[in-house]
Amino acid sequence: MAARAGSDETLADLLELAEQRQGVRGGRALARRAGELGHEVSHTTLNKILAGRTENRQSDGTVDAVAVLAGVARARAHAAAGRPAPGRPFAGELPPEADRLNRRQRDVVLAVVRALLDSAGTDAPRTSGRTAVRRRKP
């Protein structure tokens, strides 16, 4: 099936386009090619997408790899995954003075960001092992 641009386009469609564009077949060959292009992605994940057997949302890294392989814009690949493309790194938008925040203040900022992500229905992985809010010792 040829990939179709539009709201009904899927990651599987883009991987089929990637197979044509890269001149390879299957998840293993696509994963190898993605690595050559600087994007690490599991061949198992790509095979599941191709077969329509994805149980969960794909990581930004996986979707970005699909975009590169298919030769399409990052925004198009993220739309095919059913979400908006991430913007530029949020840390780059913080004022330099934010580095002066103490641990408790940083935890508050992180808690607000996590609450906003949760309310937006995003299931972004939490990379920090710290709790969002710490309790004061009595």
N, C-alpha and C. Protein backbone atom coordinates (compact mmCIF):
# COMPACT_ATOMS: atom_id res chain seq x y z
N MET A 1 0.85 -1.17 0.00
CA MET A 1 0.00 0.00 0.00
C MET A 1 0.89 1.23 0.00
N ALA A 2 0.57 2.22 -0.80
CA ALA A 2 1.35 3.46 -0.83
C ALA A 2 0.96 4.33 0.34
N ALA A 3 1.94 5.05 0.88
CA ALA A 3 1.67 5.95 1.99
C ALA A 3 0.78 7.07 1.49
N ARG A 4 -0.13 7.48 2.34
CA ARG A 4 -1.05 8.54 1.97
C ARG A 4 -0.87 9.71 2.93
N ALA A 5 -0.66 10.87 2.39
CA ALA A 5 -0.55 12.07 3.22
C ALA A 5 -1.96 12.46 3.62
N GLY A 6 -2.13 12.81 4.86
CA GLY A 6 -3.45 13.21 5.33
C GLY A 6 -3.68 12.74 6.74
N SER A 7 -4.86 13.04 7.25
CA SER A 7 -5.16 12.74 8.65
C SER A 7 -5.29 11.25 8.93
N ASP A 8 -5.49 10.43 7.91
CA ASP A 8 -5.62 8.99 8.15
C ASP A 8 -4.31 8.24 7.92
N GLU A 9 -3.23 8.95 7.67
CA GLU A 9 -1.92 8.32 7.47
C GLU A 9 -1.42 7.74 8.79
N THR A 10 -0.81 6.58 8.73
CA THR A 10 -0.30 5.91 9.93
C THR A 10 1.22 5.77 9.86
N LEU A 11 1.80 5.40 11.01
CA LEU A 11 3.24 5.13 11.02
C LEU A 11 3.57 3.95 10.11
N ALA A 12 2.67 2.97 10.03
CA ALA A 12 2.89 1.84 9.13
C ALA A 12 2.97 2.31 7.68
N ASP A 13 2.11 3.27 7.31
CA ASP A 13 2.17 3.83 5.96
C ASP A 13 3.53 4.47 5.71
N LEU A 14 4.02 5.21 6.71
CA LEU A 14 5.31 5.87 6.54
C LEU A 14 6.45 4.87 6.49
N LEU A 15 6.34 3.78 7.23
CA LEU A 15 7.39 2.75 7.15
C LEU A 15 7.38 2.06 5.79
N GLU A 16 6.21 1.88 5.20
CA GLU A 16 6.15 1.33 3.85
C GLU A 16 6.81 2.29 2.86
N LEU A 17 6.57 3.58 3.04
CA LEU A 17 7.25 4.58 2.21
C LEU A 17 8.76 4.51 2.45
N ALA A 18 9.15 4.34 3.71
CA ALA A 18 10.58 4.24 4.05
C ALA A 18 11.22 3.04 3.37
N GLU A 19 10.51 1.91 3.34
CA GLU A 19 11.05 0.72 2.66
C GLU A 19 11.33 1.03 1.19
N GLN A 20 10.40 1.73 0.54
CA GLN A 20 10.58 2.09 -0.87
C GLN A 20 11.74 3.07 -1.01
N ARG A 21 11.75 4.08 -0.17
CA ARG A 21 12.77 5.13 -0.26
C ARG A 21 14.17 4.59 0.03
N GLN A 22 14.27 3.71 1.02
CA GLN A 22 15.57 3.18 1.44
C GLN A 22 15.99 1.95 0.62
N GLY A 23 15.06 1.38 -0.13
CA GLY A 23 15.38 0.21 -0.94
C GLY A 23 15.62 -1.03 -0.09
N VAL A 24 14.91 -1.15 1.03
CA VAL A 24 15.05 -2.30 1.93
C VAL A 24 13.67 -2.81 2.30
N ARG A 25 13.63 -4.00 2.91
CA ARG A 25 12.36 -4.57 3.36
C ARG A 25 12.50 -5.03 4.80
N GLY A 26 11.50 -4.74 5.63
CA GLY A 26 11.44 -5.26 6.98
C GLY A 26 12.08 -4.38 8.04
N GLY A 27 11.68 -4.65 9.27
CA GLY A 27 12.13 -3.88 10.41
C GLY A 27 13.62 -3.94 10.67
N ARG A 28 14.22 -5.11 10.49
CA ARG A 28 15.65 -5.25 10.77
C ARG A 28 16.48 -4.36 9.83
N ALA A 29 16.16 -4.39 8.55
CA ALA A 29 16.90 -3.57 7.59
C ALA A 29 16.63 -2.08 7.83
N LEU A 30 15.39 -1.74 8.16
CA LEU A 30 15.07 -0.34 8.44
C LEU A 30 15.79 0.15 9.70
N ALA A 31 15.84 -0.68 10.73
CA ALA A 31 16.54 -0.30 11.97
C ALA A 31 18.03 -0.10 11.71
N ARG A 32 18.61 -0.96 10.91
CA ARG A 32 20.03 -0.83 10.55
C ARG A 32 20.26 0.48 9.81
N ARG A 33 19.38 0.78 8.87
CA ARG A 33 19.50 2.02 8.10
C ARG A 33 19.30 3.24 9.01
N ALA A 34 18.35 3.16 9.93
CA ALA A 34 18.13 4.27 10.87
C ALA A 34 19.38 4.53 11.69
N GLY A 35 20.04 3.46 12.15
CA GLY A 35 21.29 3.61 12.89
C GLY A 35 22.35 4.32 12.07
N GLU A 36 22.44 3.98 10.79
CA GLU A 36 23.40 4.64 9.91
C GLU A 36 23.09 6.13 9.77
N LEU A 37 21.81 6.48 9.94
CA LEU A 37 21.39 7.87 9.82
C LEU A 37 21.37 8.59 11.18
N GLY A 38 21.85 7.89 12.23
CA GLY A 38 21.97 8.51 13.54
C GLY A 38 20.77 8.37 14.45
N HIS A 39 19.88 7.43 14.14
CA HIS A 39 18.67 7.22 14.96
C HIS A 39 18.61 5.76 15.40
N GLU A 40 18.70 5.54 16.69
CA GLU A 40 18.61 4.18 17.21
C GLU A 40 17.14 3.81 17.42
N VAL A 41 16.75 2.69 16.85
CA VAL A 41 15.39 2.19 16.99
C VAL A 41 15.44 0.67 16.87
N SER A 42 14.60 0.01 17.62
CA SER A 42 14.56 -1.45 17.65
C SER A 42 13.88 -2.01 16.40
N HIS A 43 14.48 -3.03 15.83
CA HIS A 43 13.84 -3.67 14.67
C HIS A 43 12.52 -4.32 15.08
N THR A 44 12.44 -4.77 16.33
CA THR A 44 11.20 -5.37 16.83
C THR A 44 10.08 -4.33 16.82
N THR A 45 10.39 -3.14 17.28
CA THR A 45 9.39 -2.06 17.28
C THR A 45 8.93 -1.76 15.86
N LEU A 46 9.87 -1.65 14.93
CA LEU A 46 9.50 -1.34 13.55
C LEU A 46 8.67 -2.46 12.93
N ASN A 47 9.01 -3.72 13.22
CA ASN A 47 8.21 -4.83 12.71
C ASN A 47 6.79 -4.81 13.28
N LYS A 48 6.67 -4.46 14.56
CA LYS A 48 5.33 -4.37 15.16
C LYS A 48 4.51 -3.27 14.50
N ILE A 49 5.14 -2.13 14.24
CA ILE A 49 4.43 -1.04 13.57
C ILE A 49 3.99 -1.49 12.18
N LEU A 50 4.90 -2.11 11.44
CA LEU A 50 4.58 -2.58 10.09
C LEU A 50 3.41 -3.56 10.10
N ALA A 51 3.35 -4.40 11.14
CA ALA A 51 2.30 -5.41 11.23
C ALA A 51 1.02 -4.88 11.88
N GLY A 52 1.06 -3.63 12.34
CA GLY A 52 -0.12 -3.06 12.99
C GLY A 52 -0.35 -3.60 14.39
N ARG A 53 0.71 -4.06 15.05
CA ARG A 53 0.58 -4.66 16.38
C ARG A 53 1.21 -3.78 17.46
N THR A 54 0.95 -2.52 17.45
CA THR A 54 1.53 -1.65 18.48
C THR A 54 0.53 -1.52 19.62
N GLU A 55 1.01 -1.83 20.81
CA GLU A 55 0.15 -1.78 21.99
C GLU A 55 0.20 -0.45 22.70
N ASN A 56 1.24 0.32 22.45
CA ASN A 56 1.39 1.58 23.18
C ASN A 56 1.88 2.67 22.24
N ARG A 57 1.95 3.87 22.81
CA ARG A 57 2.45 4.99 22.03
C ARG A 57 3.94 4.82 21.79
N GLN A 58 4.36 5.22 20.64
CA GLN A 58 5.77 5.14 20.30
C GLN A 58 6.52 6.33 20.88
N SER A 59 7.77 6.13 21.21
CA SER A 59 8.59 7.21 21.75
C SER A 59 8.84 8.25 20.67
N ASP A 60 9.20 9.45 21.09
CA ASP A 60 9.55 10.50 20.14
C ASP A 60 10.71 10.04 19.26
N GLY A 61 11.67 9.32 19.86
CA GLY A 61 12.81 8.84 19.09
C GLY A 61 12.42 7.90 17.98
N THR A 62 11.48 7.00 18.26
CA THR A 62 11.00 6.07 17.24
C THR A 62 10.30 6.82 16.12
N VAL A 63 9.43 7.75 16.48
CA VAL A 63 8.69 8.51 15.47
C VAL A 63 9.64 9.37 14.64
N ASP A 64 10.64 9.96 15.29
CA ASP A 64 11.63 10.75 14.55
C ASP A 64 12.42 9.87 13.59
N ALA A 65 12.75 8.65 14.01
CA ALA A 65 13.47 7.73 13.12
C ALA A 65 12.61 7.38 11.90
N VAL A 66 11.32 7.17 12.12
CA VAL A 66 10.41 6.87 11.01
C VAL A 66 10.40 8.05 10.03
N ALA A 67 10.37 9.27 10.55
CA ALA A 67 10.37 10.45 9.69
C ALA A 67 11.61 10.50 8.82
N VAL A 68 12.76 10.26 9.44
CA VAL A 68 14.03 10.30 8.69
C VAL A 68 14.06 9.20 7.63
N LEU A 69 13.66 8.00 8.01
CA LEU A 69 13.66 6.89 7.06
C LEU A 69 12.74 7.14 5.88
N ALA A 70 11.57 7.71 6.16
CA ALA A 70 10.58 7.95 5.10
C ALA A 70 10.88 9.23 4.33
N GLY A 71 11.76 10.06 4.85
CA GLY A 71 12.07 11.32 4.18
C GLY A 71 10.94 12.33 4.26
N VAL A 72 10.23 12.31 5.39
CA VAL A 72 9.12 13.25 5.57
C VAL A 72 9.42 14.17 6.76
N ALA A 73 8.67 15.22 6.86
CA ALA A 73 8.83 16.17 7.96
C ALA A 73 8.50 15.50 9.29
N ARG A 74 9.20 15.93 10.31
CA ARG A 74 8.96 15.42 11.66
C ARG A 74 7.49 15.60 12.06
N ALA A 75 6.92 16.74 11.72
CA ALA A 75 5.52 17.02 12.06
C ALA A 75 4.58 16.01 11.41
N ARG A 76 4.88 15.61 10.18
CA ARG A 76 4.03 14.63 9.48
C ARG A 76 4.08 13.28 10.18
N ALA A 77 5.27 12.86 10.59
CA ALA A 77 5.40 11.57 11.27
C ALA A 77 4.68 11.59 12.62
N HIS A 78 4.82 12.68 13.36
CA HIS A 78 4.14 12.76 14.65
C HIS A 78 2.62 12.82 14.47
N ALA A 79 2.16 13.48 13.40
CA ALA A 79 0.72 13.48 13.11
C ALA A 79 0.24 12.07 12.81
N ALA A 80 1.05 11.30 12.09
CA ALA A 80 0.70 9.90 11.80
C ALA A 80 0.65 9.08 13.08
N ALA A 81 1.42 9.49 14.09
CA ALA A 81 1.40 8.80 15.38
C ALA A 81 0.27 9.32 16.27
N GLY A 82 -0.47 10.32 15.78
CA GLY A 82 -1.63 10.82 16.52
C GLY A 82 -1.30 11.86 17.58
N ARG A 83 -0.24 12.62 17.35
CA ARG A 83 0.12 13.65 18.33
C ARG A 83 0.89 14.76 17.64
N PRO A 84 0.96 15.93 18.28
CA PRO A 84 1.75 17.01 17.69
C PRO A 84 3.24 16.73 17.85
N ALA A 85 4.03 17.27 16.95
CA ALA A 85 5.48 17.13 17.05
C ALA A 85 5.99 17.95 18.22
N PRO A 86 6.98 17.43 18.93
CA PRO A 86 7.56 18.21 20.03
C PRO A 86 8.21 19.48 19.48
N GLY A 87 8.17 20.51 20.29
CA GLY A 87 8.83 21.76 19.92
C GLY A 87 10.30 21.68 20.26
N ARG A 88 10.95 22.83 20.21
CA ARG A 88 12.37 22.84 20.59
C ARG A 88 12.48 22.54 22.08
N PRO A 89 13.64 22.11 22.54
CA PRO A 89 13.78 21.74 23.96
C PRO A 89 13.36 22.87 24.90
N PHE A 90 12.49 22.54 25.83
CA PHE A 90 11.94 23.52 26.77
C PHE A 90 13.04 24.16 27.61
N ALA A 91 14.06 23.40 27.95
CA ALA A 91 15.14 23.93 28.78
C ALA A 91 15.80 25.13 28.11
N GLY A 92 15.83 25.15 26.80
CA GLY A 92 16.43 26.26 26.07
C GLY A 92 15.64 27.55 26.18
N GLU A 93 14.39 27.45 26.62
CA GLU A 93 13.55 28.64 26.76
C GLU A 93 13.59 29.22 28.17
N LEU A 94 14.14 28.48 29.11
CA LEU A 94 14.19 28.99 30.49
C LEU A 94 15.24 30.09 30.59
N PRO A 95 14.96 31.10 31.38
CA PRO A 95 15.97 32.16 31.56
C PRO A 95 17.19 31.61 32.30
N PRO A 96 18.36 32.15 32.05
CA PRO A 96 19.57 31.65 32.71
C PRO A 96 19.47 31.68 34.24
N GLU A 97 18.69 32.60 34.76
CA GLU A 97 18.54 32.71 36.22
C GLU A 97 17.85 31.49 36.82
N ALA A 98 17.17 30.70 35.98
CA ALA A 98 16.49 29.50 36.50
C ALA A 98 17.48 28.53 37.12
N ASP A 99 18.74 28.60 36.70
CA ASP A 99 19.76 27.73 37.28
C ASP A 99 20.04 28.05 38.74
N ARG A 100 19.58 29.19 39.20
CA ARG A 100 19.78 29.58 40.60
C ARG A 100 18.70 29.03 41.53
N LEU A 101 17.68 28.40 40.98
CA LEU A 101 16.62 27.85 41.83
C LEU A 101 17.19 26.75 42.71
N ASN A 102 16.70 26.71 43.95
CA ASN A 102 17.14 25.62 44.83
C ASN A 102 16.34 24.36 44.51
N ARG A 103 16.69 23.26 45.15
CA ARG A 103 16.07 21.97 44.85
C ARG A 103 14.56 22.01 45.03
N ARG A 104 14.11 22.64 46.10
CA ARG A 104 12.66 22.68 46.36
C ARG A 104 11.95 23.49 45.26
N GLN A 105 12.51 24.59 44.86
CA GLN A 105 11.90 25.40 43.81
C GLN A 105 11.89 24.64 42.48
N ARG A 106 12.96 23.93 42.20
CA ARG A 106 13.00 23.13 40.98
C ARG A 106 11.94 22.04 41.00
N ASP A 107 11.76 21.41 42.16
CA ASP A 107 10.73 20.37 42.28
C ASP A 107 9.34 20.93 42.01
N VAL A 108 9.09 22.16 42.45
CA VAL A 108 7.80 22.80 42.19
C VAL A 108 7.60 23.02 40.70
N VAL A 109 8.62 23.53 40.03
CA VAL A 109 8.53 23.75 38.58
C VAL A 109 8.28 22.43 37.86
N LEU A 110 9.01 21.40 38.25
CA LEU A 110 8.81 20.08 37.63
C LEU A 110 7.41 19.54 37.89
N ALA A 111 6.90 19.76 39.09
CA ALA A 111 5.54 19.29 39.42
C ALA A 111 4.51 19.99 38.55
N VAL A 112 4.69 21.27 38.31
CA VAL A 112 3.75 22.02 37.45
C VAL A 112 3.81 21.48 36.03
N VAL A 113 5.00 21.26 35.51
CA VAL A 113 5.14 20.73 34.15
C VAL A 113 4.49 19.36 34.05
N ARG A 114 4.74 18.50 35.04
CA ARG A 114 4.12 17.15 35.02
C ARG A 114 2.60 17.23 35.09
N ALA A 115 2.08 18.15 35.90
CA ALA A 115 0.63 18.31 36.00
C ALA A 115 0.05 18.76 34.66
N LEU A 116 0.73 19.67 33.99
CA LEU A 116 0.26 20.13 32.68
C LEU A 116 0.30 18.99 31.66
N LEU A 117 1.36 18.19 31.69
CA LEU A 117 1.44 17.04 30.78
C LEU A 117 0.35 16.03 31.06
N ASP A 118 0.10 15.77 32.34
CA ASP A 118 -0.96 14.82 32.72
C ASP A 118 -2.33 15.33 32.28
N SER A 119 -2.57 16.64 32.44
CA SER A 119 -3.88 17.18 32.07
C SER A 119 -4.07 17.22 30.56
N ALA A 120 -2.96 17.24 29.82
CA ALA A 120 -3.05 17.23 28.36
C ALA A 120 -3.20 15.82 27.82
N GLY A 121 -3.16 14.82 28.72
CA GLY A 121 -3.33 13.44 28.29
C GLY A 121 -2.09 12.84 27.68
N THR A 122 -0.96 13.45 27.88
CA THR A 122 0.27 12.90 27.33
C THR A 122 0.82 11.86 28.29
N ASP A 123 1.43 10.83 27.72
CA ASP A 123 2.02 9.79 28.57
C ASP A 123 3.52 9.81 28.42
N ALA A 124 4.08 11.02 28.47
CA ALA A 124 5.53 11.17 28.34
C ALA A 124 6.22 10.44 29.48
N PRO A 125 7.29 9.73 29.15
CA PRO A 125 7.99 9.00 30.20
C PRO A 125 8.63 9.95 31.18
N ARG A 126 8.66 9.55 32.42
CA ARG A 126 9.29 10.34 33.46
C ARG A 126 10.71 9.85 33.60
N THR A 127 11.66 10.72 33.33
CA THR A 127 13.05 10.30 33.34
C THR A 127 13.73 10.56 34.66
N SER A 128 13.12 11.31 35.53
CA SER A 128 13.75 11.62 36.81
C SER A 128 13.23 10.68 37.87
N GLY A 129 14.12 10.20 38.70
CA GLY A 129 13.71 9.35 39.80
C GLY A 129 13.26 10.14 41.01
N ARG A 130 13.38 11.45 40.96
CA ARG A 130 12.99 12.29 42.09
C ARG A 130 11.49 12.42 42.16
N THR A 131 10.97 12.58 43.36
CA THR A 131 9.56 12.83 43.50
C THR A 131 9.30 14.28 43.14
N ALA A 132 8.08 14.58 42.71
CA ALA A 132 7.76 15.93 42.28
C ALA A 132 7.77 16.91 43.43
N VAL A 133 7.32 16.47 44.59
CA VAL A 133 7.26 17.35 45.75
C VAL A 133 7.86 16.62 46.94
N ARG A 134 8.74 17.28 47.62
CA ARG A 134 9.34 16.68 48.81
C ARG A 134 8.67 17.22 50.05
N ARG A 135 8.57 16.38 51.04
CA ARG A 135 8.03 16.82 52.32
C ARG A 135 9.15 17.32 53.20
N ARG A 136 8.85 18.35 53.94
CA ARG A 136 9.81 18.88 54.89
C ARG A 136 9.89 17.98 56.10
N LYS A 137 11.09 17.85 56.61
CA LYS A 137 11.24 17.09 57.85
C LYS A 137 10.75 17.94 59.00
N PRO A 138 9.99 17.37 59.95
CA PRO A 138 9.45 18.16 61.06
C PRO A 138 10.53 18.67 61.98
